[in-house]
Amino acid sequence: MKLIVIRHLAPLQGEGLCYGHTDLAVDAQANAQAAASLRASLPSFPVFSSPLQRCLSLASLLGRTVQTDDRLRELNFGDWEMQPWDRIDRADIDAWAADTVYYRPGGAESLLQMTTRVSAFLRTLQAQNLEGVILITHAGVLKILSQWEAAASDVDIAQRVASRDMRFSYGSCTQLDILM
């Protein structure tokens, strides 16, 4: 299955802040420009989006029906959400760095838990026998999708994500071929 994965644009606020599940807005004019550019180049695949407005606002401008799915949300940082990174206890950040797969930053969600929900989303798509889909989502989800393999366990996928330095720019469009 072909996945066209688009990362949302940069949030209006968020610079220097820890955010994942927090619903942040993006610049409406920048979104409109990005959507206009994307509309001409995207195949006629179904569109799925994270329900967070930084994704959904772009998805809704593509001129297609959009299905939202909570499994496409970014990592939930719990008590760390909207805290300046430099105000989060260094020992907590070090604990996360020491156990990226299982540690729950801010007491909320681990990378493994996020990987499990993203894998569940992919299995839902598989059951629909789609040629491809367009996903408007977050960097964390994109990292998981880029390392996903049908035969791999969620633990193996999360470990791959944790061991690789992957960066996806705001507004980037990445094509992945997923073997189901």
C-alpha atoms as a PDB file:
ATOM      1  CA  MET A   1       0.000   0.000   0.000  1.00  0.00           C
ATOM      2  CA  LYS A   2       1.249   3.466  -0.828  1.00  0.00           C
ATOM      3  CA  LEU A   3       1.235   5.995   1.987  1.00  0.00           C
ATOM      4  CA  ILE A   4       1.592   9.669   1.194  1.00  0.00           C
ATOM      5  CA  VAL A   5       2.395  11.127   4.610  1.00  0.00           C
ATOM      6  CA  ILE A   6       2.291  14.884   5.092  1.00  0.00           C
ATOM      7  CA  ARG A   7       3.539  16.459   8.284  1.00  0.00           C
ATOM      8  CA  HIS A   8       1.551  19.463   9.466  1.00  0.00           C
ATOM      9  CA  LEU A   9       3.016  22.972   9.217  1.00  0.00           C
ATOM     10  CA  ALA A  10       4.784  24.640  12.149  1.00  0.00           C
ATOM     11  CA  PRO A  11       2.410  25.609  14.980  1.00  0.00           C
ATOM     12  CA  LEU A  12       1.975  29.296  15.769  1.00  0.00           C
ATOM     13  CA  GLN A  13       3.133  28.641  19.302  1.00  0.00           C
ATOM     14  CA  GLY A  14       5.285  25.783  20.375  1.00  0.00           C
ATOM     15  CA  GLU A  15       8.836  27.017  19.875  1.00  0.00           C
ATOM     16  CA  GLY A  16      10.805  25.676  22.827  1.00  0.00           C
ATOM     17  CA  LEU A  17       7.740  23.924  24.261  1.00  0.00           C
ATOM     18  CA  CYS A  18       7.019  20.248  24.704  1.00  0.00           C
ATOM     19  CA  TYR A  19       3.793  19.473  22.884  1.00  0.00           C
ATOM     20  CA  GLY A  20       2.209  16.384  21.439  1.00  0.00           C
ATOM     21  CA  HIS A  21      -1.501  15.993  22.180  1.00  0.00           C
ATOM     22  CA  THR A  22      -1.968  19.737  22.711  1.00  0.00           C
ATOM     23  CA  ASP A  23      -4.173  21.190  19.985  1.00  0.00           C
ATOM     24  CA  LEU A  24      -2.135  24.017  18.448  1.00  0.00           C
ATOM     25  CA  ALA A  25      -3.092  26.186  15.492  1.00  0.00           C
ATOM     26  CA  VAL A  26      -0.984  26.933  12.413  1.00  0.00           C
ATOM     27  CA  ASP A  27      -0.935  30.007  10.201  1.00  0.00           C
ATOM     28  CA  ALA A  28      -4.093  29.904   8.057  1.00  0.00           C
ATOM     29  CA  GLN A  29      -2.481  31.596   5.053  1.00  0.00           C
ATOM     30  CA  ALA A  30       0.501  29.229   5.094  1.00  0.00           C
ATOM     31  CA  ASN A  31      -1.920  26.280   5.313  1.00  0.00           C
ATOM     32  CA  ALA A  32      -3.897  27.567   2.325  1.00  0.00           C
ATOM     33  CA  GLN A  33      -0.707  27.933   0.270  1.00  0.00           C
ATOM     34  CA  ALA A  34       0.501  24.455   1.227  1.00  0.00           C
ATOM     35  CA  ALA A  35      -2.873  22.925   0.395  1.00  0.00           C
ATOM     36  CA  ALA A  36      -2.977  24.634  -3.007  1.00  0.00           C
ATOM     37  CA  SER A  37       0.443  23.223  -3.835  1.00  0.00           C
ATOM     38  CA  LEU A  38      -0.457  19.736  -2.595  1.00  0.00           C
ATOM     39  CA  ARG A  39      -3.836  19.501  -4.370  1.00  0.00           C
ATOM     40  CA  ALA A  40      -2.185  19.471  -7.791  1.00  0.00           C
ATOM     41  CA  SER A  41       0.266  16.712  -6.984  1.00  0.00           C
ATOM     42  CA  LEU A  42      -1.617  14.250  -4.788  1.00  0.00           C
ATOM     43  CA  PRO A  43      -3.184  11.073  -6.148  1.00  0.00           C
ATOM     44  CA  SER A  44      -6.893  10.472  -5.605  1.00  0.00           C
ATOM     45  CA  PHE A  45      -6.385   8.358  -2.481  1.00  0.00           C
ATOM     46  CA  PRO A  46      -8.583   8.618   0.621  1.00  0.00           C
ATOM     47  CA  VAL A  47      -7.406  11.208   3.164  1.00  0.00           C
ATOM     48  CA  PHE A  48      -6.949  10.426   6.859  1.00  0.00           C
ATOM     49  CA  SER A  49      -5.903  12.997   9.428  1.00  0.00           C
ATOM     50  CA  SER A  50      -5.016  13.392  13.043  1.00  0.00           C
ATOM     51  CA  PRO A  51      -7.934  15.198  14.706  1.00  0.00           C
ATOM     52  CA  LEU A  52      -5.602  17.924  16.016  1.00  0.00           C
ATOM     53  CA  GLN A  53      -6.207  21.216  14.226  1.00  0.00           C
ATOM     54  CA  ARG A  54      -2.595  21.580  13.072  1.00  0.00           C
ATOM     55  CA  CYS A  55      -3.283  18.534  10.855  1.00  0.00           C
ATOM     56  CA  LEU A  56      -7.019  18.690  10.257  1.00  0.00           C
ATOM     57  CA  SER A  57      -6.909  22.325   9.114  1.00  0.00           C
ATOM     58  CA  LEU A  58      -4.533  21.359   6.287  1.00  0.00           C
ATOM     59  CA  ALA A  59      -6.392  18.142   5.442  1.00  0.00           C
ATOM     60  CA  SER A  60      -9.719  19.971   5.165  1.00  0.00           C
ATOM     61  CA  LEU A  61      -8.239  22.355   2.580  1.00  0.00           C
ATOM     62  CA  LEU A  62      -7.352  19.538   0.168  1.00  0.00           C
ATOM     63  CA  GLY A  63     -10.881  19.512  -1.270  1.00  0.00           C
ATOM     64  CA  ARG A  64     -11.621  15.912  -0.338  1.00  0.00           C
ATOM     65  CA  THR A  65     -13.514  14.016   2.286  1.00  0.00           C
ATOM     66  CA  VAL A  66     -11.304  13.645   5.358  1.00  0.00           C
ATOM     67  CA  GLN A  67     -11.554  10.880   7.926  1.00  0.00           C
ATOM     68  CA  THR A  68     -10.015  11.657  11.301  1.00  0.00           C
ATOM     69  CA  ASP A  69      -8.460   8.994  13.468  1.00  0.00           C
ATOM     70  CA  ASP A  70      -7.134   9.459  17.013  1.00  0.00           C
ATOM     71  CA  ARG A  71      -4.455   6.845  16.325  1.00  0.00           C
ATOM     72  CA  LEU A  72      -2.722   9.425  14.095  1.00  0.00           C
ATOM     73  CA  ARG A  73      -2.151  11.838  17.006  1.00  0.00           C
ATOM     74  CA  GLU A  74       1.311  12.734  18.233  1.00  0.00           C
ATOM     75  CA  LEU A  75       2.778  11.233  21.412  1.00  0.00           C
ATOM     76  CA  ASN A  76       0.944  12.266  24.576  1.00  0.00           C
ATOM     77  CA  PHE A  77       3.477  13.953  26.867  1.00  0.00           C
ATOM     78  CA  GLY A  78       1.057  14.159  29.829  1.00  0.00           C
ATOM     79  CA  ASP A  79       2.349  16.557  32.498  1.00  0.00           C
ATOM     80  CA  TRP A  80       5.088  17.747  30.151  1.00  0.00           C
ATOM     81  CA  GLU A  81       2.589  19.145  27.625  1.00  0.00           C
ATOM     82  CA  MET A  82       3.176  22.857  26.940  1.00  0.00           C
ATOM     83  CA  GLN A  83       6.048  23.038  29.405  1.00  0.00           C
ATOM     84  CA  PRO A  84       9.240  24.737  28.239  1.00  0.00           C
ATOM     85  CA  TRP A  85      11.783  21.983  27.617  1.00  0.00           C
ATOM     86  CA  ASP A  86      14.266  23.721  29.895  1.00  0.00           C
ATOM     87  CA  ARG A  87      11.779  23.585  32.803  1.00  0.00           C
ATOM     88  CA  ILE A  88      11.247  19.819  32.626  1.00  0.00           C
ATOM     89  CA  ASP A  89      13.310  18.100  35.297  1.00  0.00           C
ATOM     90  CA  ARG A  90      16.617  16.964  33.776  1.00  0.00           C
ATOM     91  CA  ALA A  91      16.386  13.630  35.629  1.00  0.00           C
ATOM     92  CA  ASP A  92      13.059  12.937  33.907  1.00  0.00           C
ATOM     93  CA  ILE A  93      14.468  13.738  30.470  1.00  0.00           C
ATOM     94  CA  ASP A  94      17.501  11.537  31.224  1.00  0.00           C
ATOM     95  CA  ALA A  95      15.199   8.686  32.302  1.00  0.00           C
ATOM     96  CA  TRP A  96      13.339   8.994  29.004  1.00  0.00           C
ATOM     97  CA  ALA A  97      16.609   9.038  27.039  1.00  0.00           C
ATOM     98  CA  ALA A  98      17.755   5.907  28.888  1.00  0.00           C
ATOM     99  CA  ASP A  99      14.563   3.991  28.039  1.00  0.00           C
ATOM    100  CA  THR A 100      12.982   5.651  25.004  1.00  0.00           C
ATOM    101  CA  VAL A 101      10.815   2.657  24.124  1.00  0.00           C
ATOM    102  CA  TYR A 102       9.100   2.044  27.472  1.00  0.00           C
ATOM    103  CA  TYR A 103       9.391   5.314  29.406  1.00  0.00           C
ATOM    104  CA  ARG A 104       6.216   7.394  29.588  1.00  0.00           C
ATOM    105  CA  PRO A 105       7.241  11.071  29.382  1.00  0.00           C
ATOM    106  CA  GLY A 106       5.067  13.198  31.603  1.00  0.00           C
ATOM    107  CA  GLY A 107       3.462   9.993  32.885  1.00  0.00           C
ATOM    108  CA  ALA A 108       1.334   9.573  29.774  1.00  0.00           C
ATOM    109  CA  GLU A 109       2.321   7.468  26.766  1.00  0.00           C
ATOM    110  CA  SER A 110       5.416   5.493  25.826  1.00  0.00           C
ATOM    111  CA  LEU A 111       6.837   5.162  22.336  1.00  0.00           C
ATOM    112  CA  LEU A 112       5.780   1.507  22.437  1.00  0.00           C
ATOM    113  CA  GLN A 113       2.178   2.448  23.249  1.00  0.00           C
ATOM    114  CA  MET A 114       2.176   4.961  20.396  1.00  0.00           C
ATOM    115  CA  THR A 115       3.668   2.369  18.038  1.00  0.00           C
ATOM    116  CA  THR A 116       0.924  -0.081  18.999  1.00  0.00           C
ATOM    117  CA  ARG A 117      -1.822   2.411  18.141  1.00  0.00           C
ATOM    118  CA  VAL A 118      -0.193   3.381  14.826  1.00  0.00           C
ATOM    119  CA  SER A 119       0.178  -0.329  13.958  1.00  0.00           C
ATOM    120  CA  ALA A 120      -3.501  -0.849  14.776  1.00  0.00           C
ATOM    121  CA  PHE A 121      -4.356   1.987  12.380  1.00  0.00           C
ATOM    122  CA  LEU A 122      -2.313   0.321   9.614  1.00  0.00           C
ATOM    123  CA  ARG A 123      -4.082  -3.006  10.199  1.00  0.00           C
ATOM    124  CA  THR A 124      -7.419  -1.193   9.865  1.00  0.00           C
ATOM    125  CA  LEU A 125      -6.271   0.188   6.512  1.00  0.00           C
ATOM    126  CA  GLN A 126      -5.092  -3.257   5.447  1.00  0.00           C
ATOM    127  CA  ALA A 127      -8.570  -4.667   6.021  1.00  0.00           C
ATOM    128  CA  GLN A 128      -9.935  -2.083   3.552  1.00  0.00           C
ATOM    129  CA  ASN A 129      -7.697  -3.263   0.664  1.00  0.00           C
ATOM    130  CA  LEU A 130      -6.821   0.272  -0.396  1.00  0.00           C
ATOM    131  CA  GLU A 131      -4.237   0.998  -3.084  1.00  0.00           C
ATOM    132  CA  GLY A 132      -3.009   3.936  -1.064  1.00  0.00           C
ATOM    133  CA  VAL A 133      -3.909   6.685   1.382  1.00  0.00           C
ATOM    134  CA  ILE A 134      -2.909  10.229   2.200  1.00  0.00           C
ATOM    135  CA  LEU A 135      -2.156  10.857   5.859  1.00  0.00           C
ATOM    136  CA  ILE A 136      -1.885  14.288   7.459  1.00  0.00           C
ATOM    137  CA  THR A 137      -0.131  13.697  10.742  1.00  0.00           C
ATOM    138  CA  HIS A 138       2.828  14.378  13.044  1.00  0.00           C
ATOM    139  CA  ALA A 139       6.565  13.688  13.054  1.00  0.00           C
ATOM    140  CA  GLY A 140       6.272  10.933  15.678  1.00  0.00           C
ATOM    141  CA  VAL A 141       3.712   9.030  13.617  1.00  0.00           C
ATOM    142  CA  LEU A 142       5.789   9.543  10.484  1.00  0.00           C
ATOM    143  CA  LYS A 143       8.858   8.096  12.222  1.00  0.00           C
ATOM    144  CA  ILE A 144       6.900   4.987  13.196  1.00  0.00           C
ATOM    145  CA  LEU A 145       5.444   4.577   9.705  1.00  0.00           C
ATOM    146  CA  SER A 146       8.895   4.906   8.144  1.00  0.00           C
ATOM    147  CA  GLN A 147      10.168   1.992  10.252  1.00  0.00           C
ATOM    148  CA  TRP A 148       7.047  -0.189  10.069  1.00  0.00           C
ATOM    149  CA  GLU A 149       7.195  -3.751   8.747  1.00  0.00           C
ATOM    150  CA  ALA A 150       4.308  -6.201   8.826  1.00  0.00           C
ATOM    151  CA  ALA A 151       6.447  -9.031  10.201  1.00  0.00           C
ATOM    152  CA  ALA A 152       8.066  -6.911  12.925  1.00  0.00           C
ATOM    153  CA  SER A 153       6.693  -6.675  16.436  1.00  0.00           C
ATOM    154  CA  ASP A 154       5.666  -3.312  17.838  1.00  0.00           C
ATOM    155  CA  VAL A 155       8.635  -3.563  20.220  1.00  0.00           C
ATOM    156  CA  ASP A 156      11.032  -4.058  17.289  1.00  0.00           C
ATOM    157  CA  ILE A 157       9.523  -1.098  15.421  1.00  0.00           C
ATOM    158  CA  ALA A 158       9.690   1.147  18.501  1.00  0.00           C
ATOM    159  CA  GLN A 159      13.317   0.117  19.071  1.00  0.00           C
ATOM    160  CA  ARG A 160      14.159   1.025  15.474  1.00  0.00           C
ATOM    161  CA  VAL A 161      12.480   4.400  15.854  1.00  0.00           C
ATOM    162  CA  ALA A 162      14.340   5.034  19.118  1.00  0.00           C
ATOM    163  CA  SER A 163      17.716   4.092  17.628  1.00  0.00           C
ATOM    164  CA  ARG A 164      17.549   6.272  14.509  1.00  0.00           C
ATOM    165  CA  ASP A 165      17.895  10.018  14.168  1.00  0.00           C
ATOM    166  CA  MET A 166      15.082  10.840  11.779  1.00  0.00           C
ATOM    167  CA  ARG A 167      13.882  14.325  11.021  1.00  0.00           C
ATOM    168  CA  PHE A 168      10.894  15.311   8.936  1.00  0.00           C
ATOM    169  CA  SER A 169      10.375  18.985   8.177  1.00  0.00           C
ATOM    170  CA  TYR A 170       7.121  20.791   8.813  1.00  0.00           C
ATOM    171  CA  GLY A 171       4.989  20.479   5.699  1.00  0.00           C
ATOM    172  CA  SER A 172       7.101  17.637   4.292  1.00  0.00           C
ATOM    173  CA  CYS A 173       5.478  15.062   2.034  1.00  0.00           C
ATOM    174  CA  THR A 174       6.921  11.549   2.276  1.00  0.00           C
ATOM    175  CA  GLN A 175       5.908   8.555   0.176  1.00  0.00           C
ATOM    176  CA  LEU A 176       6.188   5.141   1.796  1.00  0.00           C
ATOM    177  CA  ASP A 177       5.416   1.732   0.350  1.00  0.00           C
ATOM    178  CA  ILE A 178       4.080  -0.506   3.114  1.00  0.00           C
ATOM    179  CA  LEU A 179       3.939  -4.245   2.553  1.00  0.00           C
ATOM    180  CA  MET A 180       1.044  -5.660   4.517  1.00  0.00           C
END
